Amino acid sequence: MRSSLDSLYSPRWKGDKLDLKKEEKEKQVAWLRDQFQGARAMVLMDFQGLTVSEMNSLRSEVRTRGGSMKVLKNTLVRLAYKGTDVECLGPDLFGPRAAVWTQNDDNVPSLAKSLVDFAKTHPNLGLIKGELQGQVFESSELEALAKLPSREELLGRVLGTMLAPVSAFVGTLAAVPRSFLNVLKAIEEKKGESVPVEG
């Protein structure tokens, strides 16, 4: 009895071209599974209506933000996402779909911002849904995600908060010897005034 994988991988003729061979599909599924297992966030998009140059521009922008982008073959994706956080997006995998994802938490806000900004200037890009560590979020929530500060900004804020009391403490410590020296100087001057002049 043939498995569902065998039927999916069986070669089919399209025009005068043979469809993807079983080995090629297995490689693609394995690569997708690896990507999905490491994905910290993913956004599904409807790219119909975008030109090739617009898609290339978006892909380049995503890459500079530390993400990956791929036009999806839904049948292969459904095999690859089983048991991963990405599986929660399964109900939205129909029709022409592309996905953007990152395997680094630090890149999530900047990647979300680049998608939101691109969609504003390219209304043919449809942001459908996203996944963040196994939780589905609506496209409307992507903007809130885009407004989150980056890891570097957060670290800067935390460091600033930590250094403020430290600098105040250092200032206080520095003031103590200064005050002590001023007191010693005043005592010395007082003693100098009170010493009787020998005649």
C-alpha atoms as a PDB file:
ATOM      1  CA  MET A   1       0.000   0.000   0.000  1.00  0.00           C
ATOM      2  CA  ARG A   2       1.414   3.362  -1.030  1.00  0.00           C
ATOM      3  CA  SER A   3       1.779   5.987   1.677  1.00  0.00           C
ATOM      4  CA  SER A   4       0.472   9.534   1.292  1.00  0.00           C
ATOM      5  CA  LEU A   5       4.109  10.597   0.929  1.00  0.00           C
ATOM      6  CA  ASP A   6       4.580   8.227  -1.992  1.00  0.00           C
ATOM      7  CA  SER A   7       1.527   9.606  -3.751  1.00  0.00           C
ATOM      8  CA  LEU A   8       2.698  13.152  -3.099  1.00  0.00           C
ATOM      9  CA  TYR A   9       6.166  12.380  -4.392  1.00  0.00           C
ATOM     10  CA  SER A  10       5.133  10.372  -7.422  1.00  0.00           C
ATOM     11  CA  PRO A  11       6.449  12.130 -10.535  1.00  0.00           C
ATOM     12  CA  ARG A  12       3.840  13.987 -12.585  1.00  0.00           C
ATOM     13  CA  TRP A  13       4.147  15.455 -16.048  1.00  0.00           C
ATOM     14  CA  LYS A  14       3.423  19.145 -16.423  1.00  0.00           C
ATOM     15  CA  GLY A  15       3.450  20.003 -20.104  1.00  0.00           C
ATOM     16  CA  ASP A  16       6.709  18.571 -21.316  1.00  0.00           C
ATOM     17  CA  LYS A  17       8.420  18.886 -17.892  1.00  0.00           C
ATOM     18  CA  LEU A  18       8.563  16.284 -15.173  1.00  0.00           C
ATOM     19  CA  ASP A  19       7.390  17.626 -11.778  1.00  0.00           C
ATOM     20  CA  LEU A  20       9.843  17.656  -8.853  1.00  0.00           C
ATOM     21  CA  LYS A  21      11.367  14.262  -8.191  1.00  0.00           C
ATOM     22  CA  LYS A  22      10.806  12.492  -4.894  1.00  0.00           C
ATOM     23  CA  GLU A  23      14.393  13.112  -3.712  1.00  0.00           C
ATOM     24  CA  GLU A  24      14.165  16.846  -4.439  1.00  0.00           C
ATOM     25  CA  LYS A  25      10.888  17.099  -2.535  1.00  0.00           C
ATOM     26  CA  GLU A  26      12.347  15.203   0.407  1.00  0.00           C
ATOM     27  CA  LYS A  27      15.265  17.635   0.487  1.00  0.00           C
ATOM     28  CA  GLN A  28      12.899  20.610   0.412  1.00  0.00           C
ATOM     29  CA  VAL A  29      10.736  19.171   3.194  1.00  0.00           C
ATOM     30  CA  ALA A  30      13.850  18.473   5.315  1.00  0.00           C
ATOM     31  CA  TRP A  31      15.165  22.014   4.732  1.00  0.00           C
ATOM     32  CA  LEU A  32      11.767  23.569   5.558  1.00  0.00           C
ATOM     33  CA  ARG A  33      11.436  21.438   8.701  1.00  0.00           C
ATOM     34  CA  ASP A  34      14.864  22.592   9.856  1.00  0.00           C
ATOM     35  CA  GLN A  35      13.901  26.235   9.240  1.00  0.00           C
ATOM     36  CA  PHE A  36      10.534  25.864  10.974  1.00  0.00           C
ATOM     37  CA  GLN A  37      12.020  24.155  14.033  1.00  0.00           C
ATOM     38  CA  GLY A  38      14.373  27.087  14.563  1.00  0.00           C
ATOM     39  CA  ALA A  39      11.897  29.847  13.660  1.00  0.00           C
ATOM     40  CA  ARG A  40      11.238  32.311  16.486  1.00  0.00           C
ATOM     41  CA  ALA A  41       8.539  34.119  14.488  1.00  0.00           C
ATOM     42  CA  MET A  42       6.882  33.769  11.082  1.00  0.00           C
ATOM     43  CA  VAL A  43       4.510  35.882   9.000  1.00  0.00           C
ATOM     44  CA  LEU A  44       2.360  34.518   6.158  1.00  0.00           C
ATOM     45  CA  MET A  45       1.756  36.796   3.189  1.00  0.00           C
ATOM     46  CA  ASP A  46      -0.344  36.886   0.041  1.00  0.00           C
ATOM     47  CA  PHE A  47       2.037  38.203  -2.601  1.00  0.00           C
ATOM     48  CA  GLN A  48      -0.355  38.147  -5.594  1.00  0.00           C
ATOM     49  CA  GLY A  49      -0.136  41.438  -7.430  1.00  0.00           C
ATOM     50  CA  LEU A  50       3.500  42.148  -6.523  1.00  0.00           C
ATOM     51  CA  THR A  51       5.925  42.380  -9.405  1.00  0.00           C
ATOM     52  CA  VAL A  52       9.125  40.327  -9.532  1.00  0.00           C
ATOM     53  CA  SER A  53      11.198  43.427  -8.755  1.00  0.00           C
ATOM     54  CA  GLU A  54       8.974  44.238  -5.747  1.00  0.00           C
ATOM     55  CA  MET A  55       9.375  40.671  -4.467  1.00  0.00           C
ATOM     56  CA  ASN A  56      13.147  40.919  -4.911  1.00  0.00           C
ATOM     57  CA  SER A  57      13.145  44.248  -3.081  1.00  0.00           C
ATOM     58  CA  LEU A  58      11.177  42.756  -0.179  1.00  0.00           C
ATOM     59  CA  ARG A  59      13.425  39.693  -0.074  1.00  0.00           C
ATOM     60  CA  SER A  60      16.494  41.927   0.077  1.00  0.00           C
ATOM     61  CA  GLU A  61      14.964  44.035   2.884  1.00  0.00           C
ATOM     62  CA  VAL A  62      14.082  40.883   4.854  1.00  0.00           C
ATOM     63  CA  ARG A  63      17.614  39.536   4.436  1.00  0.00           C
ATOM     64  CA  THR A  64      19.178  42.771   5.742  1.00  0.00           C
ATOM     65  CA  ARG A  65      16.938  42.481   8.840  1.00  0.00           C
ATOM     66  CA  GLY A  66      18.215  38.970   9.559  1.00  0.00           C
ATOM     67  CA  GLY A  67      15.216  37.086   8.182  1.00  0.00           C
ATOM     68  CA  SER A  68      14.407  34.562   5.466  1.00  0.00           C
ATOM     69  CA  MET A  69      11.674  34.702   2.832  1.00  0.00           C
ATOM     70  CA  LYS A  70      10.283  31.951   0.632  1.00  0.00           C
ATOM     71  CA  VAL A  71       7.351  31.436  -1.693  1.00  0.00           C
ATOM     72  CA  LEU A  72       5.679  28.344  -0.262  1.00  0.00           C
ATOM     73  CA  LYS A  73       4.551  25.157  -1.906  1.00  0.00           C
ATOM     74  CA  ASN A  74       1.709  24.429   0.503  1.00  0.00           C
ATOM     75  CA  THR A  75       1.754  20.637   0.141  1.00  0.00           C
ATOM     76  CA  LEU A  76       5.431  20.499   1.112  1.00  0.00           C
ATOM     77  CA  VAL A  77       4.978  22.987   3.944  1.00  0.00           C
ATOM     78  CA  ARG A  78       2.191  20.893   5.459  1.00  0.00           C
ATOM     79  CA  LEU A  79       4.589  17.944   5.621  1.00  0.00           C
ATOM     80  CA  ALA A  80       7.422  20.063   7.033  1.00  0.00           C
ATOM     81  CA  TYR A  81       5.636  21.941   9.821  1.00  0.00           C
ATOM     82  CA  LYS A  82       4.289  18.883  11.693  1.00  0.00           C
ATOM     83  CA  GLY A  83       5.306  19.123  15.345  1.00  0.00           C
ATOM     84  CA  THR A  84       6.777  22.639  15.050  1.00  0.00           C
ATOM     85  CA  ASP A  85       5.426  25.988  16.303  1.00  0.00           C
ATOM     86  CA  VAL A  86       4.637  26.888  12.692  1.00  0.00           C
ATOM     87  CA  GLU A  87       1.921  24.219  12.584  1.00  0.00           C
ATOM     88  CA  CYS A  88      -0.542  26.708  14.156  1.00  0.00           C
ATOM     89  CA  LEU A  89      -0.569  28.581  10.805  1.00  0.00           C
ATOM     90  CA  GLY A  90      -1.796  25.484   8.945  1.00  0.00           C
ATOM     91  CA  PRO A  91      -5.418  26.681   8.462  1.00  0.00           C
ATOM     92  CA  ASP A  92      -4.134  29.734   6.571  1.00  0.00           C
ATOM     93  CA  LEU A  93      -1.960  27.773   4.151  1.00  0.00           C
ATOM     94  CA  PHE A  94      -3.985  27.846   0.960  1.00  0.00           C
ATOM     95  CA  GLY A  95      -3.610  29.726  -2.279  1.00  0.00           C
ATOM     96  CA  PRO A  96      -0.453  31.629  -3.146  1.00  0.00           C
ATOM     97  CA  ARG A  97       1.519  32.132   0.046  1.00  0.00           C
ATOM     98  CA  ALA A  98       4.951  33.383   0.964  1.00  0.00           C
ATOM     99  CA  ALA A  99       6.472  33.387   4.412  1.00  0.00           C
ATOM    100  CA  VAL A 100       8.993  35.545   6.216  1.00  0.00           C
ATOM    101  CA  TRP A 101      10.662  34.198   9.340  1.00  0.00           C
ATOM    102  CA  THR A 102      13.633  34.679  11.606  1.00  0.00           C
ATOM    103  CA  GLN A 103      15.549  32.312  13.834  1.00  0.00           C
ATOM    104  CA  ASN A 104      16.717  35.104  16.124  1.00  0.00           C
ATOM    105  CA  ASP A 105      14.484  36.756  18.757  1.00  0.00           C
ATOM    106  CA  ASP A 106      16.463  39.995  18.440  1.00  0.00           C
ATOM    107  CA  ASN A 107      15.387  40.406  14.793  1.00  0.00           C
ATOM    108  CA  VAL A 108      11.629  40.063  15.371  1.00  0.00           C
ATOM    109  CA  PRO A 109      10.735  43.777  15.939  1.00  0.00           C
ATOM    110  CA  SER A 110      12.854  45.115  13.063  1.00  0.00           C
ATOM    111  CA  LEU A 111      11.566  42.394  10.715  1.00  0.00           C
ATOM    112  CA  ALA A 112       7.968  43.183  11.681  1.00  0.00           C
ATOM    113  CA  LYS A 113       8.638  46.891  11.076  1.00  0.00           C
ATOM    114  CA  SER A 114      10.083  46.244   7.621  1.00  0.00           C
ATOM    115  CA  LEU A 115       6.988  44.185   6.641  1.00  0.00           C
ATOM    116  CA  VAL A 116       4.560  46.803   7.986  1.00  0.00           C
ATOM    117  CA  ASP A 117       6.432  49.619   6.207  1.00  0.00           C
ATOM    118  CA  PHE A 118       6.620  47.653   2.948  1.00  0.00           C
ATOM    119  CA  ALA A 119       2.885  46.838   3.067  1.00  0.00           C
ATOM    120  CA  LYS A 120       2.070  50.544   3.534  1.00  0.00           C
ATOM    121  CA  THR A 121       3.869  51.455   0.309  1.00  0.00           C
ATOM    122  CA  HIS A 122       2.853  48.280  -1.567  1.00  0.00           C
ATOM    123  CA  PRO A 123      -0.877  47.671  -0.993  1.00  0.00           C
ATOM    124  CA  ASN A 124      -0.747  44.481  -3.104  1.00  0.00           C
ATOM    125  CA  LEU A 125       1.164  42.764  -0.302  1.00  0.00           C
ATOM    126  CA  GLY A 126      -1.327  41.099   2.030  1.00  0.00           C
ATOM    127  CA  LEU A 127      -0.058  40.371   5.536  1.00  0.00           C
ATOM    128  CA  ILE A 128      -2.256  37.456   6.626  1.00  0.00           C
ATOM    129  CA  LYS A 129      -1.273  36.063  10.013  1.00  0.00           C
ATOM    130  CA  GLY A 130       1.808  35.447  12.053  1.00  0.00           C
ATOM    131  CA  GLU A 131       3.218  33.076  14.609  1.00  0.00           C
ATOM    132  CA  LEU A 132       5.372  34.029  17.572  1.00  0.00           C
ATOM    133  CA  GLN A 133       6.733  31.081  19.544  1.00  0.00           C
ATOM    134  CA  GLY A 134       3.699  28.926  18.780  1.00  0.00           C
ATOM    135  CA  GLN A 135       1.052  31.636  19.282  1.00  0.00           C
ATOM    136  CA  VAL A 136      -0.956  32.956  16.328  1.00  0.00           C
ATOM    137  CA  PHE A 137      -1.310  36.710  15.949  1.00  0.00           C
ATOM    138  CA  GLU A 138      -3.404  38.719  13.501  1.00  0.00           C
ATOM    139  CA  SER A 139      -1.837  40.997  10.898  1.00  0.00           C
ATOM    140  CA  SER A 140      -3.229  43.990  12.829  1.00  0.00           C
ATOM    141  CA  GLU A 141      -1.018  42.972  15.779  1.00  0.00           C
ATOM    142  CA  LEU A 142       2.085  43.029  13.609  1.00  0.00           C
ATOM    143  CA  GLU A 143       2.247  46.827  13.936  1.00  0.00           C
ATOM    144  CA  ALA A 144       2.386  46.551  17.747  1.00  0.00           C
ATOM    145  CA  LEU A 145       5.197  44.030  17.361  1.00  0.00           C
ATOM    146  CA  ALA A 146       6.984  46.426  15.005  1.00  0.00           C
ATOM    147  CA  LYS A 147       6.925  49.138  17.700  1.00  0.00           C
ATOM    148  CA  LEU A 148       8.751  47.014  20.265  1.00  0.00           C
ATOM    149  CA  PRO A 149      12.282  48.280  20.943  1.00  0.00           C
ATOM    150  CA  SER A 150      15.164  46.179  19.684  1.00  0.00           C
ATOM    151  CA  ARG A 151      17.336  44.177  22.078  1.00  0.00           C
ATOM    152  CA  GLU A 152      20.094  46.807  21.797  1.00  0.00           C
ATOM    153  CA  GLU A 153      17.666  49.592  22.729  1.00  0.00           C
ATOM    154  CA  LEU A 154      16.346  47.580  25.691  1.00  0.00           C
ATOM    155  CA  LEU A 155      19.886  46.848  26.899  1.00  0.00           C
ATOM    156  CA  GLY A 156      20.735  50.551  26.562  1.00  0.00           C
ATOM    157  CA  ARG A 157      17.701  51.506  28.638  1.00  0.00           C
ATOM    158  CA  VAL A 158      18.462  48.911  31.318  1.00  0.00           C
ATOM    159  CA  LEU A 159      22.106  49.962  31.446  1.00  0.00           C
ATOM    160  CA  GLY A 160      21.085  53.631  31.710  1.00  0.00           C
ATOM    161  CA  THR A 161      18.741  52.790  34.569  1.00  0.00           C
ATOM    162  CA  MET A 162      21.430  50.770  36.311  1.00  0.00           C
ATOM    163  CA  LEU A 163      24.129  53.415  35.822  1.00  0.00           C
ATOM    164  CA  ALA A 164      22.004  56.335  37.072  1.00  0.00           C
ATOM    165  CA  PRO A 165      22.082  55.204  40.740  1.00  0.00           C
ATOM    166  CA  VAL A 166      25.721  54.116  40.382  1.00  0.00           C
ATOM    167  CA  SER A 167      26.790  57.535  39.095  1.00  0.00           C
ATOM    168  CA  ALA A 168      24.854  59.206  41.929  1.00  0.00           C
ATOM    169  CA  PHE A 169      26.572  56.878  44.424  1.00  0.00           C
ATOM    170  CA  VAL A 170      30.010  57.596  42.919  1.00  0.00           C
ATOM    171  CA  GLY A 171      29.247  61.334  43.120  1.00  0.00           C
ATOM    172  CA  THR A 172      28.349  60.923  46.810  1.00  0.00           C
ATOM    173  CA  LEU A 173      31.511  58.923  47.466  1.00  0.00           C
ATOM    174  CA  ALA A 174      33.597  61.585  45.740  1.00  0.00           C
ATOM    175  CA  ALA A 175      31.868  64.297  47.776  1.00  0.00           C
ATOM    176  CA  VAL A 176      32.772  62.627  51.104  1.00  0.00           C
ATOM    177  CA  PRO A 177      36.576  63.020  50.762  1.00  0.00           C
ATOM    178  CA  ARG A 178      36.078  66.521  49.339  1.00  0.00           C
ATOM    179  CA  SER A 179      34.004  67.477  52.353  1.00  0.00           C
ATOM    180  CA  PHE A 180      36.511  65.827  54.691  1.00  0.00           C
ATOM    181  CA  LEU A 181      39.413  67.740  53.079  1.00  0.00           C
ATOM    182  CA  ASN A 182      37.442  70.990  53.368  1.00  0.00           C
ATOM    183  CA  VAL A 183      36.883  70.304  57.076  1.00  0.00           C
ATOM    184  CA  LEU A 184      40.605  69.540  57.613  1.00  0.00           C
ATOM    185  CA  LYS A 185      41.566  72.697  55.754  1.00  0.00           C
ATOM    186  CA  ALA A 186      39.169  74.758  57.868  1.00  0.00           C
ATOM    187  CA  ILE A 187      40.609  73.230  61.090  1.00  0.00           C
ATOM    188  CA  GLU A 188      44.140  73.940  59.890  1.00  0.00           C
ATOM    189  CA  GLU A 189      43.254  77.541  59.088  1.00  0.00           C
ATOM    190  CA  LYS A 190      41.549  77.901  62.500  1.00  0.00           C
ATOM    191  CA  LYS A 191      44.637  76.547  64.269  1.00  0.00           C
ATOM    192  CA  GLY A 192      46.811  78.931  62.280  1.00  0.00           C
ATOM    193  CA  GLU A 193      44.723  81.853  63.456  1.00  0.00           C
ATOM    194  CA  SER A 194      44.782  80.765  67.094  1.00  0.00           C
ATOM    195  CA  VAL A 195      48.558  80.137  67.359  1.00  0.00           C
ATOM    196  CA  PRO A 196      50.050  83.017  69.443  1.00  0.00           C
ATOM    197  CA  VAL A 197      52.597  85.120  67.687  1.00  0.00           C
ATOM    198  CA  GLU A 198      55.988  84.949  69.402  1.00  0.00           C
ATOM    199  CA  GLY A 199      57.521  88.287  70.031  1.00  0.00           C
END
